[in-house]
Amino acid sequence: MNFEYLCSYLAELSLLEYGMLAYLPSTVAAACVSVALFILVHAAPEGCPTWTPTLAHYSGYMPRDLQHCAQV
């Protein structure tokens, strides 16, 4: 599964959820990346990326900051 397509799909699904209005768009986008990484790691654990320091630096979020948004 293509990572970018999965992120886009999750972002589009978030547009349908009224509860997602409580979050900043950057939080929703970072949560979509986090969930996509989680799905890909569990689908094929060998060689799949995880939340890296580079992602944390450029997004401004740590995985623990995105946990509630990702669960919604």
PDB file of N, CA and C in Angstrom:
ATOM      1  N   MET A   1       0.850  -1.178   0.000  1.00  0.00           N
ATOM      2  CA  MET A   1       0.000   0.000   0.000  1.00  0.00           C
ATOM      3  C   MET A   1       0.892   1.236   0.000  1.00  0.00           C
ATOM      4  N   ASN A   2       0.544   2.186  -0.802  1.00  0.00           N
ATOM      5  CA  ASN A   2       1.328   3.394  -0.928  1.00  0.00           C
ATOM      6  C   ASN A   2       1.065   4.322   0.270  1.00  0.00           C
ATOM      7  N   PHE A   3       2.132   4.744   0.910  1.00  0.00           N
ATOM      8  CA  PHE A   3       2.032   5.559   2.122  1.00  0.00           C
ATOM      9  C   PHE A   3       1.268   6.862   1.876  1.00  0.00           C
ATOM     10  N   GLU A   4       1.565   7.530   0.782  1.00  0.00           N
ATOM     11  CA  GLU A   4       0.912   8.813   0.497  1.00  0.00           C
ATOM     12  C   GLU A   4      -0.587   8.646   0.286  1.00  0.00           C
ATOM     13  N   TYR A   5      -0.978   7.574  -0.420  1.00  0.00           N
ATOM     14  CA  TYR A   5      -2.397   7.329  -0.646  1.00  0.00           C
ATOM     15  C   TYR A   5      -3.119   7.019   0.664  1.00  0.00           C
ATOM     16  N   LEU A   6      -2.477   6.277   1.525  1.00  0.00           N
ATOM     17  CA  LEU A   6      -3.074   5.950   2.815  1.00  0.00           C
ATOM     18  C   LEU A   6      -3.251   7.206   3.658  1.00  0.00           C
ATOM     19  N   CYS A   7      -2.253   8.074   3.675  1.00  0.00           N
ATOM     20  CA  CYS A   7      -2.368   9.342   4.410  1.00  0.00           C
ATOM     21  C   CYS A   7      -3.513  10.194   3.856  1.00  0.00           C
ATOM     22  N   SER A   8      -3.598  10.276   2.537  1.00  0.00           N
ATOM     23  CA  SER A   8      -4.666  11.058   1.908  1.00  0.00           C
ATOM     24  C   SER A   8      -6.041  10.480   2.231  1.00  0.00           C
ATOM     25  N   TYR A   9      -6.138   9.171   2.194  1.00  0.00           N
ATOM     26  CA  TYR A   9      -7.408   8.510   2.512  1.00  0.00           C
ATOM     27  C   TYR A   9      -7.837   8.810   3.950  1.00  0.00           C
ATOM     28  N   LEU A  10      -6.900   8.701   4.871  1.00  0.00           N
ATOM     29  CA  LEU A  10      -7.220   8.989   6.277  1.00  0.00           C
ATOM     30  C   LEU A  10      -7.606  10.449   6.466  1.00  0.00           C
ATOM     31  N   ALA A  11      -6.926  11.347   5.773  1.00  0.00           N
ATOM     32  CA  ALA A  11      -7.262  12.773   5.873  1.00  0.00           C
ATOM     33  C   ALA A  11      -8.666  13.032   5.328  1.00  0.00           C
ATOM     34  N   GLU A  12      -9.016  12.374   4.229  1.00  0.00           N
ATOM     35  CA  GLU A  12     -10.355  12.547   3.676  1.00  0.00           C
ATOM     36  C   GLU A  12     -11.416  11.990   4.613  1.00  0.00           C
ATOM     37  N   LEU A  13     -11.136  10.877   5.251  1.00  0.00           N
ATOM     38  CA  LEU A  13     -12.081  10.326   6.230  1.00  0.00           C
ATOM     39  C   LEU A  13     -12.288  11.276   7.398  1.00  0.00           C
ATOM     40  N   SER A  14     -11.241  11.981   7.782  1.00  0.00           N
ATOM     41  CA  SER A  14     -11.359  12.914   8.910  1.00  0.00           C
ATOM     42  C   SER A  14     -12.298  14.071   8.589  1.00  0.00           C
ATOM     43  N   LEU A  15     -12.475  14.385   7.299  1.00  0.00           N
ATOM     44  CA  LEU A  15     -13.387  15.470   6.907  1.00  0.00           C
ATOM     45  C   LEU A  15     -14.839  15.120   7.187  1.00  0.00           C
ATOM     46  N   LEU A  16     -15.128  13.826   7.305  1.00  0.00           N
ATOM     47  CA  LEU A  16     -16.505  13.379   7.545  1.00  0.00           C
ATOM     48  C   LEU A  16     -16.873  13.342   9.022  1.00  0.00           C
ATOM     49  N   GLU A  17     -15.884  13.495   9.891  1.00  0.00           N
ATOM     50  CA  GLU A  17     -16.117  13.376  11.329  1.00  0.00           C
ATOM     51  C   GLU A  17     -16.234  14.753  11.972  1.00  0.00           C
ATOM     52  N   TYR A  18     -17.394  15.031  12.552  1.00  0.00           N
ATOM     53  CA  TYR A  18     -17.625  16.318  13.205  1.00  0.00           C
ATOM     54  C   TYR A  18     -16.657  16.545  14.364  1.00  0.00           C
ATOM     55  N   GLY A  19     -16.299  15.494  15.079  1.00  0.00           N
ATOM     56  CA  GLY A  19     -15.405  15.597  16.225  1.00  0.00           C
ATOM     57  C   GLY A  19     -14.005  16.069  15.867  1.00  0.00           C
ATOM     58  N   MET A  20     -13.632  15.949  14.602  1.00  0.00           N
ATOM     59  CA  MET A  20     -12.294  16.372  14.183  1.00  0.00           C
ATOM     60  C   MET A  20     -12.166  17.883  14.105  1.00  0.00           C
ATOM     61  N   LEU A  21     -13.289  18.609  14.167  1.00  0.00           N
ATOM     62  CA  LEU A  21     -13.234  20.068  14.136  1.00  0.00           C
ATOM     63  C   LEU A  21     -12.564  20.644  15.376  1.00  0.00           C
ATOM     64  N   ALA A  22     -12.428  19.836  16.408  1.00  0.00           N
ATOM     65  CA  ALA A  22     -11.795  20.293  17.643  1.00  0.00           C
ATOM     66  C   ALA A  22     -10.280  20.383  17.509  1.00  0.00           C
ATOM     67  N   TYR A  23      -9.725  19.861  16.419  1.00  0.00           N
ATOM     68  CA  TYR A  23      -8.273  19.796  16.243  1.00  0.00           C
ATOM     69  C   TYR A  23      -7.815  20.732  15.133  1.00  0.00           C
ATOM     70  N   LEU A  24      -6.622  21.236  15.289  1.00  0.00           N
ATOM     71  CA  LEU A  24      -6.007  22.039  14.240  1.00  0.00           C
ATOM     72  C   LEU A  24      -5.755  21.170  13.011  1.00  0.00           C
ATOM     73  N   PRO A  25      -5.795  21.759  11.821  1.00  0.00           N
ATOM     74  CA  PRO A  25      -5.499  20.977  10.610  1.00  0.00           C
ATOM     75  C   PRO A  25      -4.116  20.327  10.650  1.00  0.00           C
ATOM     76  N   SER A  26      -3.142  20.998  11.240  1.00  0.00           N
ATOM     77  CA  SER A  26      -1.801  20.405  11.333  1.00  0.00           C
ATOM     78  C   SER A  26      -1.802  19.189  12.244  1.00  0.00           C
ATOM     79  N   THR A  27      -2.615  19.217  13.283  1.00  0.00           N
ATOM     80  CA  THR A  27      -2.722  18.075  14.188  1.00  0.00           C
ATOM     81  C   THR A  27      -3.370  16.895  13.470  1.00  0.00           C
ATOM     82  N   VAL A  28      -4.414  17.170  12.708  1.00  0.00           N
ATOM     83  CA  VAL A  28      -5.094  16.110  11.958  1.00  0.00           C
ATOM     84  C   VAL A  28      -4.144  15.505  10.931  1.00  0.00           C
ATOM     85  N   ALA A  29      -3.406  16.350  10.226  1.00  0.00           N
ATOM     86  CA  ALA A  29      -2.469  15.848   9.220  1.00  0.00           C
ATOM     87  C   ALA A  29      -1.385  14.982   9.855  1.00  0.00           C
ATOM     88  N   ALA A  30      -0.824  15.445  10.971  1.00  0.00           N
ATOM     89  CA  ALA A  30       0.212  14.668  11.652  1.00  0.00           C
ATOM     90  C   ALA A  30      -0.361  13.367  12.209  1.00  0.00           C
ATOM     91  N   ALA A  31      -1.594  13.397  12.700  1.00  0.00           N
ATOM     92  CA  ALA A  31      -2.231  12.185  13.209  1.00  0.00           C
ATOM     93  C   ALA A  31      -2.464  11.187  12.068  1.00  0.00           C
ATOM     94  N   CYS A  32      -2.816  11.683  10.894  1.00  0.00           N
ATOM     95  CA  CYS A  32      -2.994  10.801   9.726  1.00  0.00           C
ATOM     96  C   CYS A  32      -1.680  10.127   9.360  1.00  0.00           C
ATOM     97  N   VAL A  33      -0.593  10.872   9.406  1.00  0.00           N
ATOM     98  CA  VAL A  33       0.726  10.289   9.133  1.00  0.00           C
ATOM     99  C   VAL A  33       1.046   9.236  10.186  1.00  0.00           C
ATOM    100  N   SER A  34       0.762   9.555  11.438  1.00  0.00           N
ATOM    101  CA  SER A  34       1.043   8.629  12.530  1.00  0.00           C
ATOM    102  C   SER A  34       0.244   7.330  12.384  1.00  0.00           C
ATOM    103  N   VAL A  35      -1.026   7.450  12.066  1.00  0.00           N
ATOM    104  CA  VAL A  35      -1.870   6.258  11.895  1.00  0.00           C
ATOM    105  C   VAL A  35      -1.420   5.448  10.678  1.00  0.00           C
ATOM    106  N   ALA A  36      -1.073   6.129   9.601  1.00  0.00           N
ATOM    107  CA  ALA A  36      -0.604   5.423   8.405  1.00  0.00           C
ATOM    108  C   ALA A  36       0.683   4.658   8.702  1.00  0.00           C
ATOM    109  N   LEU A  37       1.594   5.273   9.434  1.00  0.00           N
ATOM    110  CA  LEU A  37       2.825   4.576   9.821  1.00  0.00           C
ATOM    111  C   LEU A  37       2.516   3.372  10.688  1.00  0.00           C
ATOM    112  N   PHE A  38       1.577   3.536  11.619  1.00  0.00           N
ATOM    113  CA  PHE A  38       1.184   2.439  12.501  1.00  0.00           C
ATOM    114  C   PHE A  38       0.629   1.271  11.684  1.00  0.00           C
ATOM    115  N   ILE A  39      -0.241   1.574  10.719  1.00  0.00           N
ATOM    116  CA  ILE A  39      -0.838   0.530   9.891  1.00  0.00           C
ATOM    117  C   ILE A  39       0.235  -0.187   9.076  1.00  0.00           C
ATOM    118  N   LEU A  40       1.130   0.575   8.469  1.00  0.00           N
ATOM    119  CA  LEU A  40       2.161  -0.026   7.626  1.00  0.00           C
ATOM    120  C   LEU A  40       3.158  -0.848   8.425  1.00  0.00           C
ATOM    121  N   VAL A  41       3.484  -0.400   9.627  1.00  0.00           N
ATOM    122  CA  VAL A  41       4.412  -1.158  10.470  1.00  0.00           C
ATOM    123  C   VAL A  41       3.795  -2.491  10.868  1.00  0.00           C
ATOM    124  N   HIS A  42       2.496  -2.499  11.142  1.00  0.00           N
ATOM    125  CA  HIS A  42       1.847  -3.745  11.543  1.00  0.00           C
ATOM    126  C   HIS A  42       1.521  -4.642  10.354  1.00  0.00           C
ATOM    127  N   ALA A  43       1.457  -4.067   9.165  1.00  0.00           N
ATOM    128  CA  ALA A  43       1.199  -4.880   7.973  1.00  0.00           C
ATOM    129  C   ALA A  43       2.471  -5.579   7.500  1.00  0.00           C
ATOM    130  N   ALA A  44       3.586  -4.890   7.579  1.00  0.00           N
ATOM    131  CA  ALA A  44       4.875  -5.455   7.141  1.00  0.00           C
ATOM    132  C   ALA A  44       5.970  -4.883   8.034  1.00  0.00           C
ATOM    133  N   PRO A  45       6.203  -5.480   9.201  1.00  0.00           N
ATOM    134  CA  PRO A  45       7.093  -4.897  10.202  1.00  0.00           C
ATOM    135  C   PRO A  45       8.546  -4.693   9.772  1.00  0.00           C
ATOM    136  N   GLU A  46       9.041  -5.462   8.839  1.00  0.00           N
ATOM    137  CA  GLU A  46      10.447  -5.332   8.488  1.00  0.00           C
ATOM    138  C   GLU A  46      10.657  -4.182   7.505  1.00  0.00           C
ATOM    139  N   GLY A  47      11.485  -3.244   7.900  1.00  0.00           N
ATOM    140  CA  GLY A  47      11.868  -2.155   7.025  1.00  0.00           C
ATOM    141  C   GLY A  47      10.882  -1.019   6.884  1.00  0.00           C
ATOM    142  N   CYS A  48       9.827  -0.997   7.684  1.00  0.00           N
ATOM    143  CA  CYS A  48       8.867   0.091   7.594  1.00  0.00           C
ATOM    144  C   CYS A  48       9.283   1.243   8.499  1.00  0.00           C
ATOM    145  N   PRO A  49       9.013   2.458   8.062  1.00  0.00           N
ATOM    146  CA  PRO A  49       9.423   3.619   8.856  1.00  0.00           C
ATOM    147  C   PRO A  49       8.573   3.791  10.107  1.00  0.00           C
ATOM    148  N   THR A  50       9.103   4.498  11.049  1.00  0.00           N
ATOM    149  CA  THR A  50       8.378   4.859  12.255  1.00  0.00           C
ATOM    150  C   THR A  50       8.445   6.372  12.401  1.00  0.00           C
ATOM    151  N   TRP A  51       7.884   6.902  13.467  1.00  0.00           N
ATOM    152  CA  TRP A  51       7.927   8.341  13.713  1.00  0.00           C
ATOM    153  C   TRP A  51       9.371   8.703  14.054  1.00  0.00           C
ATOM    154  N   THR A  52       9.996   9.449  13.201  1.00  0.00           N
ATOM    155  CA  THR A  52      11.417   9.758  13.331  1.00  0.00           C
ATOM    156  C   THR A  52      11.621  11.137  13.965  1.00  0.00           C
ATOM    157  N   PRO A  53      12.824  11.414  14.438  1.00  0.00           N
ATOM    158  CA  PRO A  53      13.117  12.762  14.931  1.00  0.00           C
ATOM    159  C   PRO A  53      12.910  13.839  13.862  1.00  0.00           C
ATOM    160  N   THR A  54      13.119  13.491  12.610  1.00  0.00           N
ATOM    161  CA  THR A  54      12.885  14.448  11.527  1.00  0.00           C
ATOM    162  C   THR A  54      11.403  14.793  11.425  1.00  0.00           C
ATOM    163  N   LEU A  55      10.533  13.783  11.516  1.00  0.00           N
ATOM    164  CA  LEU A  55       9.092  14.044  11.518  1.00  0.00           C
ATOM    165  C   LEU A  55       8.695  14.905  12.717  1.00  0.00           C
ATOM    166  N   ALA A  56       9.259  14.608  13.864  1.00  0.00           N
ATOM    167  CA  ALA A  56       8.954  15.389  15.062  1.00  0.00           C
ATOM    168  C   ALA A  56       9.411  16.836  14.898  1.00  0.00           C
ATOM    169  N   HIS A  57      10.568  17.020  14.304  1.00  0.00           N
ATOM    170  CA  HIS A  57      11.099  18.373  14.128  1.00  0.00           C
ATOM    171  C   HIS A  57      10.227  19.197  13.184  1.00  0.00           C
ATOM    172  N   TYR A  58       9.917  18.654  12.019  1.00  0.00           N
ATOM    173  CA  TYR A  58       9.188  19.427  11.022  1.00  0.00           C
ATOM    174  C   TYR A  58       7.689  19.527  11.294  1.00  0.00           C
ATOM    175  N   SER A  59       7.116  18.556  11.967  1.00  0.00           N
ATOM    176  CA  SER A  59       5.691  18.641  12.287  1.00  0.00           C
ATOM    177  C   SER A  59       5.457  19.393  13.594  1.00  0.00           C
ATOM    178  N   GLY A  60       6.427  19.317  14.490  1.00  0.00           N
ATOM    179  CA  GLY A  60       6.257  19.949  15.794  1.00  0.00           C
ATOM    180  C   GLY A  60       5.492  19.084  16.781  1.00  0.00           C
ATOM    181  N   TYR A  61       5.241  17.842  16.419  1.00  0.00           N
ATOM    182  CA  TYR A  61       4.475  16.929  17.270  1.00  0.00           C
ATOM    183  C   TYR A  61       5.282  15.682  17.590  1.00  0.00           C
ATOM    184  N   MET A  62       5.036  15.176  18.783  1.00  0.00           N
ATOM    185  CA  MET A  62       5.523  13.865  19.177  1.00  0.00           C
ATOM    186  C   MET A  62       4.316  12.916  19.121  1.00  0.00           C
ATOM    187  N   PRO A  63       4.559  11.619  18.961  1.00  0.00           N
ATOM    188  CA  PRO A  63       3.419  10.682  18.875  1.00  0.00           C
ATOM    189  C   PRO A  63       2.449  10.786  20.055  1.00  0.00           C
ATOM    190  N   ARG A  64       2.950  11.042  21.229  1.00  0.00           N
ATOM    191  CA  ARG A  64       2.060  11.149  22.395  1.00  0.00           C
ATOM    192  C   ARG A  64       1.125  12.365  22.275  1.00  0.00           C
ATOM    193  N   ASP A  65       1.543  13.403  21.536  1.00  0.00           N
ATOM    194  CA  ASP A  65       0.705  14.586  21.330  1.00  0.00           C
ATOM    195  C   ASP A  65      -0.450  14.283  20.378  1.00  0.00           C
ATOM    196  N   LEU A  66      -0.312  13.274  19.561  1.00  0.00           N
ATOM    197  CA  LEU A  66      -1.291  12.957  18.527  1.00  0.00           C
ATOM    198  C   LEU A  66      -2.205  11.811  18.910  1.00  0.00           C
ATOM    199  N   GLN A  67      -1.964  11.211  20.046  1.00  0.00           N
ATOM    200  CA  GLN A  67      -2.664   9.991  20.422  1.00  0.00           C
ATOM    201  C   GLN A  67      -4.181  10.161  20.440  1.00  0.00           C
ATOM    202  N   HIS A  68      -4.685  11.205  21.082  1.00  0.00           N
ATOM    203  CA  HIS A  68      -6.137  11.374  21.182  1.00  0.00           C
ATOM    204  C   HIS A  68      -6.747  11.655  19.821  1.00  0.00           C
ATOM    205  N   CYS A  69      -6.132  12.520  19.047  1.00  0.00           N
ATOM    206  CA  CYS A  69      -6.639  12.832  17.706  1.00  0.00           C
ATOM    207  C   CYS A  69      -6.639  11.583  16.831  1.00  0.00           C
ATOM    208  N   ALA A  70      -5.584  10.799  16.899  1.00  0.00           N
ATOM    209  CA  ALA A  70      -5.496   9.573  16.090  1.00  0.00           C
ATOM    210  C   ALA A  70      -6.578   8.572  16.488  1.00  0.00           C
ATOM    211  N   GLN A  71      -6.926   8.516  17.753  1.00  0.00           N
ATOM    212  CA  GLN A  71      -7.961   7.592  18.193  1.00  0.00           C
ATOM    213  C   GLN A  71      -9.346   8.006  17.718  1.00  0.00           C
ATOM    214  N   VAL A  72      -9.557   9.316  17.627  1.00  0.00           N
ATOM    215  CA  VAL A  72     -10.857   9.826  17.137  1.00  0.00           C
ATOM    216  C   VAL A  72     -11.006   9.480  15.681  1.00  0.00           C
TER     217      VAL A  72
END
